[in-house]
């Protein structure tokens, strides 16, 4: 492809600009070996809220910190009460047009694979095969004592059994990011939390909490996938957390072209060779079609 002005910004958030945005992304991807990094903005069109969102500077609630979760039984009760209420809706979410477009692009050889910061499993549900879940999966729960895992659906049954009044909380809740829910203050005070069936240790969703590091072996696998590409496409991520932003920073150091498709500013805009403002579910299917993947 020809040289891009650095950074080249394209507004595809309105109908007039979508065609131009698609043209530039096709130019960026055509005949290349791109690796894709996705964030929460890839799943908002599936009904899963994100922490920031377009034009939103503050998070809608404070995410649970790893140290808080591990150190305070009351914090775990607060987390699991909100998760128990939020999980049914989260688990019913299905892949949207962006997920399907990326799956077809992988199938057609237009991209090498996906490194995702999301924990919803929607890339796999859409048919993507080469997916690295950087932050883990909410579908699993891990014992922090013995390391055994349990399906989140099974834990949900135990949560319901231990807390028969859970239904009354569901009627008062509002959806929040990552399968969470916003509950009235103090709603979790009498909430009972299950422990590991094997060792009675602390159960934690098998995801990376704020304040927790990505496991070393998983990060190594993410870097291995990154190294297969000759350019990086960021989709639906504000790049606010370092675990995702580091891929853009390394690409910049190595002279690897970076394109960002997101609705709203990101912390990687200054490094992007191409920045496209647009809805991922509207832009990506058109890109996939132009690349012969749809």
C-alpha atoms as a PDB file:
ATOM      1  CA  UNK A   1       0.000   0.000   0.000  1.00  0.00           C
ATOM      2  CA  UNK A   2       1.044   3.628  -0.385  1.00  0.00           C
ATOM      3  CA  UNK A   3       2.314   5.730   2.446  1.00  0.00           C
ATOM      4  CA  UNK A   4      -0.241   7.074   4.906  1.00  0.00           C
ATOM      5  CA  UNK A   5      -0.072  10.488   6.480  1.00  0.00           C
ATOM      6  CA  UNK A   6       0.735   9.911  10.143  1.00  0.00           C
ATOM      7  CA  UNK A   7      -1.752  10.016  11.725  1.00  0.00           C
ATOM      8  CA  UNK A   8      -4.412   9.854   8.986  1.00  0.00           C
ATOM      9  CA  UNK A   9      -7.873  10.382  10.496  1.00  0.00           C
ATOM     10  CA  UNK A  10     -11.081   9.366   8.751  1.00  0.00           C
ATOM     11  CA  UNK A  11     -14.570  10.036  10.119  1.00  0.00           C
ATOM     12  CA  UNK A  12     -16.782   7.059   9.342  1.00  0.00           C
ATOM     13  CA  UNK A  13     -19.290   7.807  12.095  1.00  0.00           C
ATOM     14  CA  UNK A  14     -21.793   9.249   9.589  1.00  0.00           C
ATOM     15  CA  UNK A  15     -23.125   7.802   6.349  1.00  0.00           C
ATOM     16  CA  UNK A  16     -21.166  10.209   4.172  1.00  0.00           C
ATOM     17  CA  UNK A  17     -17.882   9.075   5.674  1.00  0.00           C
ATOM     18  CA  UNK A  18     -18.446   5.316   5.864  1.00  0.00           C
ATOM     19  CA  UNK A  19     -17.421   4.627   2.274  1.00  0.00           C
ATOM     20  CA  UNK A  20     -14.197   6.562   2.671  1.00  0.00           C
ATOM     21  CA  UNK A  21     -13.460   4.792   5.966  1.00  0.00           C
ATOM     22  CA  UNK A  22     -13.983   1.416   4.309  1.00  0.00           C
ATOM     23  CA  UNK A  23     -11.695   2.393   1.432  1.00  0.00           C
ATOM     24  CA  UNK A  24      -8.862   3.316   3.766  1.00  0.00           C
ATOM     25  CA  UNK A  25      -9.181   0.166   5.886  1.00  0.00           C
ATOM     26  CA  UNK A  26      -9.288  -2.039   2.789  1.00  0.00           C
ATOM     27  CA  UNK A  27      -6.150  -0.287   1.571  1.00  0.00           C
ATOM     28  CA  UNK A  28      -4.538  -0.907   4.952  1.00  0.00           C
ATOM     29  CA  UNK A  29      -5.411  -4.626   5.014  1.00  0.00           C
ATOM     30  CA  UNK A  30      -5.301  -5.724   1.369  1.00  0.00           C
ATOM     31  CA  UNK A  31      -2.634  -8.343   0.737  1.00  0.00           C
ATOM     32  CA  UNK A  32      -1.154  -7.966   4.216  1.00  0.00           C
ATOM     33  CA  UNK A  33      -0.876 -10.169   7.322  1.00  0.00           C
ATOM     34  CA  UNK A  34      -2.782  -8.161   9.897  1.00  0.00           C
ATOM     35  CA  UNK A  35      -3.337  -9.140  13.507  1.00  0.00           C
ATOM     36  CA  UNK A  36      -6.417  -7.645  15.178  1.00  0.00           C
ATOM     37  CA  UNK A  37      -6.648  -6.339  18.753  1.00  0.00           C
ATOM     38  CA  UNK A  38     -10.235  -5.931  19.966  1.00  0.00           C
ATOM     39  CA  UNK A  39     -11.775  -4.215  22.969  1.00  0.00           C
ATOM     40  CA  UNK A  40     -15.144  -3.637  24.589  1.00  0.00           C
ATOM     41  CA  UNK A  41     -16.392  -1.495  21.712  1.00  0.00           C
ATOM     42  CA  UNK A  42     -16.504  -4.639  19.601  1.00  0.00           C
ATOM     43  CA  UNK A  43     -19.201  -6.081  21.888  1.00  0.00           C
ATOM     44  CA  UNK A  44     -21.347  -3.077  22.788  1.00  0.00           C
ATOM     45  CA  UNK A  45     -23.551  -3.761  19.761  1.00  0.00           C
ATOM     46  CA  UNK A  46     -24.247  -7.169  21.337  1.00  0.00           C
ATOM     47  CA  UNK A  47     -25.775  -5.369  24.317  1.00  0.00           C
ATOM     48  CA  UNK A  48     -22.737  -5.610  26.606  1.00  0.00           C
ATOM     49  CA  UNK A  49     -21.917  -2.207  28.174  1.00  0.00           C
ATOM     50  CA  UNK A  50     -18.352  -0.932  28.217  1.00  0.00           C
ATOM     51  CA  UNK A  51     -16.544   1.015  30.917  1.00  0.00           C
ATOM     52  CA  UNK A  52     -16.079   4.219  28.975  1.00  0.00           C
ATOM     53  CA  UNK A  53     -18.023   4.454  25.733  1.00  0.00           C
ATOM     54  CA  UNK A  54     -18.033   7.170  23.130  1.00  0.00           C
ATOM     55  CA  UNK A  55     -17.759  10.575  24.747  1.00  0.00           C
ATOM     56  CA  UNK A  56     -17.836   9.160  28.266  1.00  0.00           C
ATOM     57  CA  UNK A  57     -14.868  10.208  30.388  1.00  0.00           C
ATOM     58  CA  UNK A  58     -15.892   8.461  33.599  1.00  0.00           C
ATOM     59  CA  UNK A  59     -16.677   4.824  34.225  1.00  0.00           C
ATOM     60  CA  UNK A  60     -20.276   3.915  35.179  1.00  0.00           C
ATOM     61  CA  UNK A  61     -19.198   2.479  38.528  1.00  0.00           C
ATOM     62  CA  UNK A  62     -15.886   1.415  39.982  1.00  0.00           C
ATOM     63  CA  UNK A  63     -14.488  -1.941  38.814  1.00  0.00           C
ATOM     64  CA  UNK A  64     -13.382  -4.442  41.451  1.00  0.00           C
ATOM     65  CA  UNK A  65      -9.653  -4.379  42.210  1.00  0.00           C
ATOM     66  CA  UNK A  66      -7.813  -7.695  42.501  1.00  0.00           C
ATOM     67  CA  UNK A  67      -6.316  -6.817  45.896  1.00  0.00           C
ATOM     68  CA  UNK A  68      -9.726  -5.800  47.221  1.00  0.00           C
ATOM     69  CA  UNK A  69     -11.384  -8.997  45.973  1.00  0.00           C
ATOM     70  CA  UNK A  70      -8.747 -11.261  47.506  1.00  0.00           C
ATOM     71  CA  UNK A  71      -8.401  -9.381  50.783  1.00  0.00           C
ATOM     72  CA  UNK A  72     -11.978  -8.595  51.815  1.00  0.00           C
ATOM     73  CA  UNK A  73     -14.797 -11.161  52.190  1.00  0.00           C
ATOM     74  CA  UNK A  74     -17.344  -8.344  51.986  1.00  0.00           C
ATOM     75  CA  UNK A  75     -15.824  -7.229  48.676  1.00  0.00           C
ATOM     76  CA  UNK A  76     -16.261 -10.763  47.330  1.00  0.00           C
ATOM     77  CA  UNK A  77     -19.882 -10.771  48.463  1.00  0.00           C
ATOM     78  CA  UNK A  78     -20.393  -7.457  46.687  1.00  0.00           C
ATOM     79  CA  UNK A  79     -18.777  -8.767  43.499  1.00  0.00           C
ATOM     80  CA  UNK A  80     -20.602 -12.100  43.412  1.00  0.00           C
ATOM     81  CA  UNK A  81     -24.009 -10.564  44.200  1.00  0.00           C
ATOM     82  CA  UNK A  82     -23.655  -8.194  41.254  1.00  0.00           C
ATOM     83  CA  UNK A  83     -22.274 -10.950  39.037  1.00  0.00           C
ATOM     84  CA  UNK A  84     -25.089 -13.336  39.964  1.00  0.00           C
ATOM     85  CA  UNK A  85     -27.606 -10.736  38.828  1.00  0.00           C
ATOM     86  CA  UNK A  86     -25.695  -9.677  35.710  1.00  0.00           C
ATOM     87  CA  UNK A  87     -24.609 -13.106  34.463  1.00  0.00           C
ATOM     88  CA  UNK A  88     -27.892 -14.332  32.890  1.00  0.00           C
ATOM     89  CA  UNK A  89     -28.128 -11.371  30.524  1.00  0.00           C
ATOM     90  CA  UNK A  90     -24.387 -11.398  29.790  1.00  0.00           C
ATOM     91  CA  UNK A  91     -24.382 -15.107  28.989  1.00  0.00           C
ATOM     92  CA  UNK A  92     -27.286 -14.707  26.553  1.00  0.00           C
ATOM     93  CA  UNK A  93     -25.452 -12.106  24.440  1.00  0.00           C
ATOM     94  CA  UNK A  94     -24.621 -13.240  20.926  1.00  0.00           C
ATOM     95  CA  UNK A  95     -22.028 -12.137  18.385  1.00  0.00           C
ATOM     96  CA  UNK A  96     -22.800  -9.084  16.294  1.00  0.00           C
ATOM     97  CA  UNK A  97     -21.903  -8.071  12.744  1.00  0.00           C
ATOM     98  CA  UNK A  98     -18.367  -7.058  13.753  1.00  0.00           C
ATOM     99  CA  UNK A  99     -17.615 -10.461  15.302  1.00  0.00           C
ATOM    100  CA  UNK A 100     -18.968 -12.257  12.241  1.00  0.00           C
ATOM    101  CA  UNK A 101     -16.984 -10.026   9.882  1.00  0.00           C
ATOM    102  CA  UNK A 102     -13.723 -10.744  11.716  1.00  0.00           C
ATOM    103  CA  UNK A 103     -14.459 -14.486  11.705  1.00  0.00           C
ATOM    104  CA  UNK A 104     -15.030 -14.445   7.949  1.00  0.00           C
ATOM    105  CA  UNK A 105     -11.906 -12.332   7.424  1.00  0.00           C
ATOM    106  CA  UNK A 106      -9.843 -14.895   9.311  1.00  0.00           C
ATOM    107  CA  UNK A 107     -11.422 -17.724   7.329  1.00  0.00           C
ATOM    108  CA  UNK A 108     -10.551 -15.939   4.074  1.00  0.00           C
ATOM    109  CA  UNK A 109      -6.966 -15.309   5.179  1.00  0.00           C
ATOM    110  CA  UNK A 110      -7.425 -11.531   5.373  1.00  0.00           C
ATOM    111  CA  UNK A 111      -6.267 -11.470   9.011  1.00  0.00           C
ATOM    112  CA  UNK A 112      -4.014 -13.788  11.004  1.00  0.00           C
ATOM    113  CA  UNK A 113      -6.046 -13.873  14.191  1.00  0.00           C
ATOM    114  CA  UNK A 114      -7.513 -11.869  17.064  1.00  0.00           C
ATOM    115  CA  UNK A 115      -6.070 -10.816  20.402  1.00  0.00           C
ATOM    116  CA  UNK A 116      -9.068  -9.712  22.450  1.00  0.00           C
ATOM    117  CA  UNK A 117      -9.327  -7.798  25.698  1.00  0.00           C
ATOM    118  CA  UNK A 118     -12.933  -8.977  25.985  1.00  0.00           C
ATOM    119  CA  UNK A 119     -14.012 -11.807  28.267  1.00  0.00           C
ATOM    120  CA  UNK A 120     -17.309 -12.688  26.575  1.00  0.00           C
ATOM    121  CA  UNK A 121     -16.283 -15.437  24.126  1.00  0.00           C
ATOM    122  CA  UNK A 122     -18.200 -13.796  21.280  1.00  0.00           C
ATOM    123  CA  UNK A 123     -15.354 -14.052  18.772  1.00  0.00           C
ATOM    124  CA  UNK A 124     -15.365 -17.837  19.203  1.00  0.00           C
ATOM    125  CA  UNK A 125     -19.168 -17.903  19.043  1.00  0.00           C
ATOM    126  CA  UNK A 126     -18.978 -16.145  15.668  1.00  0.00           C
ATOM    127  CA  UNK A 127     -16.580 -18.779  14.340  1.00  0.00           C
ATOM    128  CA  UNK A 128     -13.154 -17.206  14.858  1.00  0.00           C
ATOM    129  CA  UNK A 129     -10.624 -19.976  15.471  1.00  0.00           C
ATOM    130  CA  UNK A 130      -7.411 -18.110  16.247  1.00  0.00           C
ATOM    131  CA  UNK A 131      -8.433 -16.070  19.283  1.00  0.00           C
ATOM    132  CA  UNK A 132      -6.238 -15.163  22.246  1.00  0.00           C
ATOM    133  CA  UNK A 133      -8.372 -14.194  25.263  1.00  0.00           C
ATOM    134  CA  UNK A 134      -5.875 -11.774  26.800  1.00  0.00           C
ATOM    135  CA  UNK A 135      -7.974 -11.086  29.886  1.00  0.00           C
ATOM    136  CA  UNK A 136      -9.452 -14.574  30.268  1.00  0.00           C
ATOM    137  CA  UNK A 137     -13.047 -15.759  30.084  1.00  0.00           C
ATOM    138  CA  UNK A 138     -16.056 -15.104  32.307  1.00  0.00           C
ATOM    139  CA  UNK A 139     -17.385 -18.535  31.348  1.00  0.00           C
ATOM    140  CA  UNK A 140     -14.877 -20.105  33.791  1.00  0.00           C
ATOM    141  CA  UNK A 141     -14.342 -19.720  37.520  1.00  0.00           C
ATOM    142  CA  UNK A 142     -10.987 -20.569  39.096  1.00  0.00           C
ATOM    143  CA  UNK A 143     -10.094 -21.511  42.671  1.00  0.00           C
ATOM    144  CA  UNK A 144      -7.307 -19.268  43.907  1.00  0.00           C
ATOM    145  CA  UNK A 145      -6.190 -22.037  46.258  1.00  0.00           C
ATOM    146  CA  UNK A 146      -5.894 -25.268  44.275  1.00  0.00           C
ATOM    147  CA  UNK A 147      -6.270 -23.849  40.743  1.00  0.00           C
ATOM    148  CA  UNK A 148      -9.238 -26.047  39.783  1.00  0.00           C
ATOM    149  CA  UNK A 149     -11.824 -24.569  37.424  1.00  0.00           C
ATOM    150  CA  UNK A 150     -15.603 -24.746  37.261  1.00  0.00           C
ATOM    151  CA  UNK A 151     -18.072 -23.607  34.631  1.00  0.00           C
ATOM    152  CA  UNK A 152     -19.627 -20.238  35.427  1.00  0.00           C
ATOM    153  CA  UNK A 153     -23.094 -21.657  34.752  1.00  0.00           C
ATOM    154  CA  UNK A 154     -22.510 -24.275  37.464  1.00  0.00           C
ATOM    155  CA  UNK A 155     -21.423 -21.581  39.909  1.00  0.00           C
ATOM    156  CA  UNK A 156     -24.561 -19.623  39.023  1.00  0.00           C
ATOM    157  CA  UNK A 157     -26.690 -22.554  40.163  1.00  0.00           C
ATOM    158  CA  UNK A 158     -24.843 -22.617  43.481  1.00  0.00           C
ATOM    159  CA  UNK A 159     -25.269 -18.862  43.888  1.00  0.00           C
ATOM    160  CA  UNK A 160     -29.012 -19.235  43.359  1.00  0.00           C
ATOM    161  CA  UNK A 161     -29.217 -22.123  45.800  1.00  0.00           C
ATOM    162  CA  UNK A 162     -27.362 -20.196  48.504  1.00  0.00           C
ATOM    163  CA  UNK A 163     -29.339 -16.991  47.878  1.00  0.00           C
ATOM    164  CA  UNK A 164     -33.007 -17.837  47.221  1.00  0.00           C
ATOM    165  CA  UNK A 165     -33.944 -14.132  47.259  1.00  0.00           C
ATOM    166  CA  UNK A 166     -31.755 -13.410  44.240  1.00  0.00           C
ATOM    167  CA  UNK A 167     -34.812 -12.718  42.116  1.00  0.00           C
ATOM    168  CA  UNK A 168     -35.695  -9.635  44.156  1.00  0.00           C
ATOM    169  CA  UNK A 169     -32.257  -8.160  43.415  1.00  0.00           C
ATOM    170  CA  UNK A 170     -32.662  -8.796  39.694  1.00  0.00           C
ATOM    171  CA  UNK A 171     -35.691  -6.521  39.526  1.00  0.00           C
ATOM    172  CA  UNK A 172     -33.677  -3.597  40.953  1.00  0.00           C
ATOM    173  CA  UNK A 173     -30.503  -4.055  38.899  1.00  0.00           C
ATOM    174  CA  UNK A 174     -29.068  -2.227  35.925  1.00  0.00           C
ATOM    175  CA  UNK A 175     -26.592  -3.848  33.534  1.00  0.00           C
ATOM    176  CA  UNK A 176     -22.901  -2.982  33.876  1.00  0.00           C
ATOM    177  CA  UNK A 177     -19.710  -4.028  32.039  1.00  0.00           C
ATOM    178  CA  UNK A 178     -18.226  -7.537  32.136  1.00  0.00           C
ATOM    179  CA  UNK A 179     -21.355  -9.362  33.279  1.00  0.00           C
ATOM    180  CA  UNK A 180     -21.737  -7.096  36.292  1.00  0.00           C
ATOM    181  CA  UNK A 181     -24.842  -5.276  37.515  1.00  0.00           C
ATOM    182  CA  UNK A 182     -25.432  -2.126  39.519  1.00  0.00           C
ATOM    183  CA  UNK A 183     -27.310  -2.874  42.746  1.00  0.00           C
ATOM    184  CA  UNK A 184     -28.628  -0.644  45.532  1.00  0.00           C
ATOM    185  CA  UNK A 185     -26.131   0.086  48.306  1.00  0.00           C
ATOM    186  CA  UNK A 186     -25.964  -2.687  50.892  1.00  0.00           C
ATOM    187  CA  UNK A 187     -27.877  -5.193  48.754  1.00  0.00           C
ATOM    188  CA  UNK A 188     -25.017  -7.691  49.155  1.00  0.00           C
ATOM    189  CA  UNK A 189     -24.646  -7.545  52.944  1.00  0.00           C
ATOM    190  CA  UNK A 190     -26.376 -10.893  53.544  1.00  0.00           C
ATOM    191  CA  UNK A 191     -25.220 -12.463  50.282  1.00  0.00           C
ATOM    192  CA  UNK A 192     -23.647 -15.917  50.609  1.00  0.00           C
ATOM    193  CA  UNK A 193     -20.653 -16.792  48.420  1.00  0.00           C
ATOM    194  CA  UNK A 194     -19.789 -20.403  47.458  1.00  0.00           C
ATOM    195  CA  UNK A 195     -16.274 -21.762  47.909  1.00  0.00           C
ATOM    196  CA  UNK A 196     -14.221 -24.298  45.946  1.00  0.00           C
ATOM    197  CA  UNK A 197     -15.767 -27.772  45.982  1.00  0.00           C
ATOM    198  CA  UNK A 198     -12.320 -29.361  46.339  1.00  0.00           C
ATOM    199  CA  UNK A 199     -10.415 -27.253  48.854  1.00  0.00           C
ATOM    200  CA  UNK A 200     -12.961 -24.644  50.017  1.00  0.00           C
ATOM    201  CA  UNK A 201     -10.705 -21.912  48.659  1.00  0.00           C
ATOM    202  CA  UNK A 202     -11.683 -18.532  47.232  1.00  0.00           C
ATOM    203  CA  UNK A 203     -13.454 -18.658  43.857  1.00  0.00           C
ATOM    204  CA  UNK A 204     -12.697 -15.938  41.326  1.00  0.00           C
ATOM    205  CA  UNK A 205     -13.831 -15.508  37.713  1.00  0.00           C
ATOM    206  CA  UNK A 206     -11.029 -16.641  35.414  1.00  0.00           C
ATOM    207  CA  UNK A 207     -10.444 -13.100  34.170  1.00  0.00           C
ATOM    208  CA  UNK A 208      -7.793 -10.473  34.818  1.00  0.00           C
ATOM    209  CA  UNK A 209      -9.063  -7.955  37.358  1.00  0.00           C
ATOM    210  CA  UNK A 210      -7.889  -4.357  37.553  1.00  0.00           C
ATOM    211  CA  UNK A 211      -4.603  -4.410  39.474  1.00  0.00           C
ATOM    212  CA  UNK A 212      -3.831  -7.977  38.338  1.00  0.00           C
ATOM    213  CA  UNK A 213      -1.267  -8.994  35.712  1.00  0.00           C
ATOM    214  CA  UNK A 214      -1.963 -11.019  32.578  1.00  0.00           C
ATOM    215  CA  UNK A 215      -0.527 -14.531  33.223  1.00  0.00           C
ATOM    216  CA  UNK A 216       2.970 -14.845  31.768  1.00  0.00           C
ATOM    217  CA  UNK A 217       2.254 -17.856  29.534  1.00  0.00           C
ATOM    218  CA  UNK A 218      -0.841 -16.180  28.078  1.00  0.00           C
ATOM    219  CA  UNK A 219       1.082 -12.993  27.372  1.00  0.00           C
ATOM    220  CA  UNK A 220       3.786 -15.002  25.619  1.00  0.00           C
ATOM    221  CA  UNK A 221       1.140 -16.614  23.399  1.00  0.00           C
ATOM    222  CA  UNK A 222      -0.292 -13.179  22.639  1.00  0.00           C
ATOM    223  CA  UNK A 223       3.121 -11.903  21.591  1.00  0.00           C
ATOM    224  CA  UNK A 224       3.610 -14.984  19.413  1.00  0.00           C
ATOM    225  CA  UNK A 225       0.363 -14.206  17.560  1.00  0.00           C
ATOM    226  CA  UNK A 226       1.290 -10.531  17.286  1.00  0.00           C
ATOM    227  CA  UNK A 227       4.627 -11.487  15.707  1.00  0.00           C
ATOM    228  CA  UNK A 228       2.839 -13.352  12.894  1.00  0.00           C
ATOM    229  CA  UNK A 229       1.530 -10.056  11.551  1.00  0.00           C
ATOM    230  CA  UNK A 230       3.032  -7.254   9.537  1.00  0.00           C
ATOM    231  CA  UNK A 231       0.494  -4.685  10.743  1.00  0.00           C
ATOM    232  CA  UNK A 232      -1.922  -4.183  13.648  1.00  0.00           C
ATOM    233  CA  UNK A 233      -5.619  -3.319  13.453  1.00  0.00           C
ATOM    234  CA  UNK A 234      -7.224  -2.127  16.699  1.00  0.00           C
ATOM    235  CA  UNK A 235     -11.012  -2.521  16.811  1.00  0.00           C
ATOM    236  CA  UNK A 236     -13.273  -1.057  19.484  1.00  0.00           C
ATOM    237  CA  UNK A 237     -10.660  -0.348  22.137  1.00  0.00           C
ATOM    238  CA  UNK A 238      -9.905   2.921  23.914  1.00  0.00           C
ATOM    239  CA  UNK A 239      -6.473   1.431  24.732  1.00  0.00           C
ATOM    240  CA  UNK A 240      -6.903   2.854  28.222  1.00  0.00           C
ATOM    241  CA  UNK A 241      -5.240  -0.120  29.928  1.00  0.00           C
ATOM    242  CA  UNK A 242      -1.604  -0.977  29.374  1.00  0.00           C
ATOM    243  CA  UNK A 243      -2.240  -4.672  28.717  1.00  0.00           C
ATOM    244  CA  UNK A 244      -3.727  -3.738  25.336  1.00  0.00           C
ATOM    245  CA  UNK A 245      -1.883  -0.500  24.651  1.00  0.00           C
ATOM    246  CA  UNK A 246       1.503  -2.254  24.850  1.00  0.00           C
ATOM    247  CA  UNK A 247       0.851  -3.933  21.474  1.00  0.00           C
ATOM    248  CA  UNK A 248       0.430  -0.540  19.797  1.00  0.00           C
ATOM    249  CA  UNK A 249       3.514   0.821  21.551  1.00  0.00           C
ATOM    250  CA  UNK A 250       5.640  -2.096  20.383  1.00  0.00           C
ATOM    251  CA  UNK A 251       4.302  -1.883  16.841  1.00  0.00           C
ATOM    252  CA  UNK A 252       5.262   1.789  16.759  1.00  0.00           C
ATOM    253  CA  UNK A 253       8.789   1.040  17.982  1.00  0.00           C
ATOM    254  CA  UNK A 254       9.180  -1.660  15.336  1.00  0.00           C
ATOM    255  CA  UNK A 255       7.805   0.428  12.481  1.00  0.00           C
ATOM    256  CA  UNK A 256       4.737  -1.797  12.054  1.00  0.00           C
ATOM    257  CA  UNK A 257       1.721   0.144  10.678  1.00  0.00           C
ATOM    258  CA  UNK A 258      -1.191   0.598  13.099  1.00  0.00           C
ATOM    259  CA  UNK A 259      -4.824   1.340  12.221  1.00  0.00           C
ATOM    260  CA  UNK A 260      -7.499   2.066  14.827  1.00  0.00           C
ATOM    261  CA  UNK A 261     -11.247   1.680  14.248  1.00  0.00           C
ATOM    262  CA  UNK A 262     -13.117   3.079  17.228  1.00  0.00           C
ATOM    263  CA  UNK A 263     -15.993   5.373  18.102  1.00  0.00           C
ATOM    264  CA  UNK A 264     -14.257   8.048  20.156  1.00  0.00           C
ATOM    265  CA  UNK A 265     -10.656   8.940  21.035  1.00  0.00           C
ATOM    266  CA  UNK A 266      -8.136   6.354  22.204  1.00  0.00           C
ATOM    267  CA  UNK A 267      -4.840   6.502  24.059  1.00  0.00           C
ATOM    268  CA  UNK A 268      -3.151   5.167  20.943  1.00  0.00           C
ATOM    269  CA  UNK A 269      -4.296   7.835  18.490  1.00  0.00           C
ATOM    270  CA  UNK A 270      -0.940   9.620  18.503  1.00  0.00           C
ATOM    271  CA  UNK A 271       0.784   6.435  17.271  1.00  0.00           C
ATOM    272  CA  UNK A 272      -1.808   5.422  14.671  1.00  0.00           C
ATOM    273  CA  UNK A 273      -0.978   5.512  10.974  1.00  0.00           C
ATOM    274  CA  UNK A 274      -4.720   5.444  10.307  1.00  0.00           C
ATOM    275  CA  UNK A 275      -7.518   6.403  12.725  1.00  0.00           C
ATOM    276  CA  UNK A 276     -11.093   5.671  11.677  1.00  0.00           C
ATOM    277  CA  UNK A 277     -14.009   7.019  13.723  1.00  0.00           C
ATOM    278  CA  UNK A 278     -16.938   4.691  13.210  1.00  0.00           C
ATOM    279  CA  UNK A 279     -19.242   1.982  14.472  1.00  0.00           C
ATOM    280  CA  UNK A 280     -17.446  -1.328  14.161  1.00  0.00           C
ATOM    281  CA  UNK A 281     -20.631  -3.215  13.294  1.00  0.00           C
ATOM    282  CA  UNK A 282     -21.250  -0.906  10.343  1.00  0.00           C
ATOM    283  CA  UNK A 283     -17.706  -0.540   9.014  1.00  0.00           C
ATOM    284  CA  UNK A 284     -16.180  -4.025   9.422  1.00  0.00           C
ATOM    285  CA  UNK A 285     -18.777  -6.011   7.424  1.00  0.00           C
ATOM    286  CA  UNK A 286     -18.227  -3.661   4.475  1.00  0.00           C
ATOM    287  CA  UNK A 287     -14.471  -4.068   4.798  1.00  0.00           C
ATOM    288  CA  UNK A 288     -14.865  -7.860   4.909  1.00  0.00           C
ATOM    289  CA  UNK A 289     -17.078  -7.781   1.812  1.00  0.00           C
ATOM    290  CA  UNK A 290     -14.544  -5.703  -0.097  1.00  0.00           C
ATOM    291  CA  UNK A 291     -11.785  -8.126   0.892  1.00  0.00           C
ATOM    292  CA  UNK A 292     -13.843 -11.033  -0.463  1.00  0.00           C
ATOM    293  CA  UNK A 293     -14.563 -12.465   2.974  1.00  0.00           C
ATOM    294  CA  UNK A 294     -18.353 -11.980   2.937  1.00  0.00           C
END
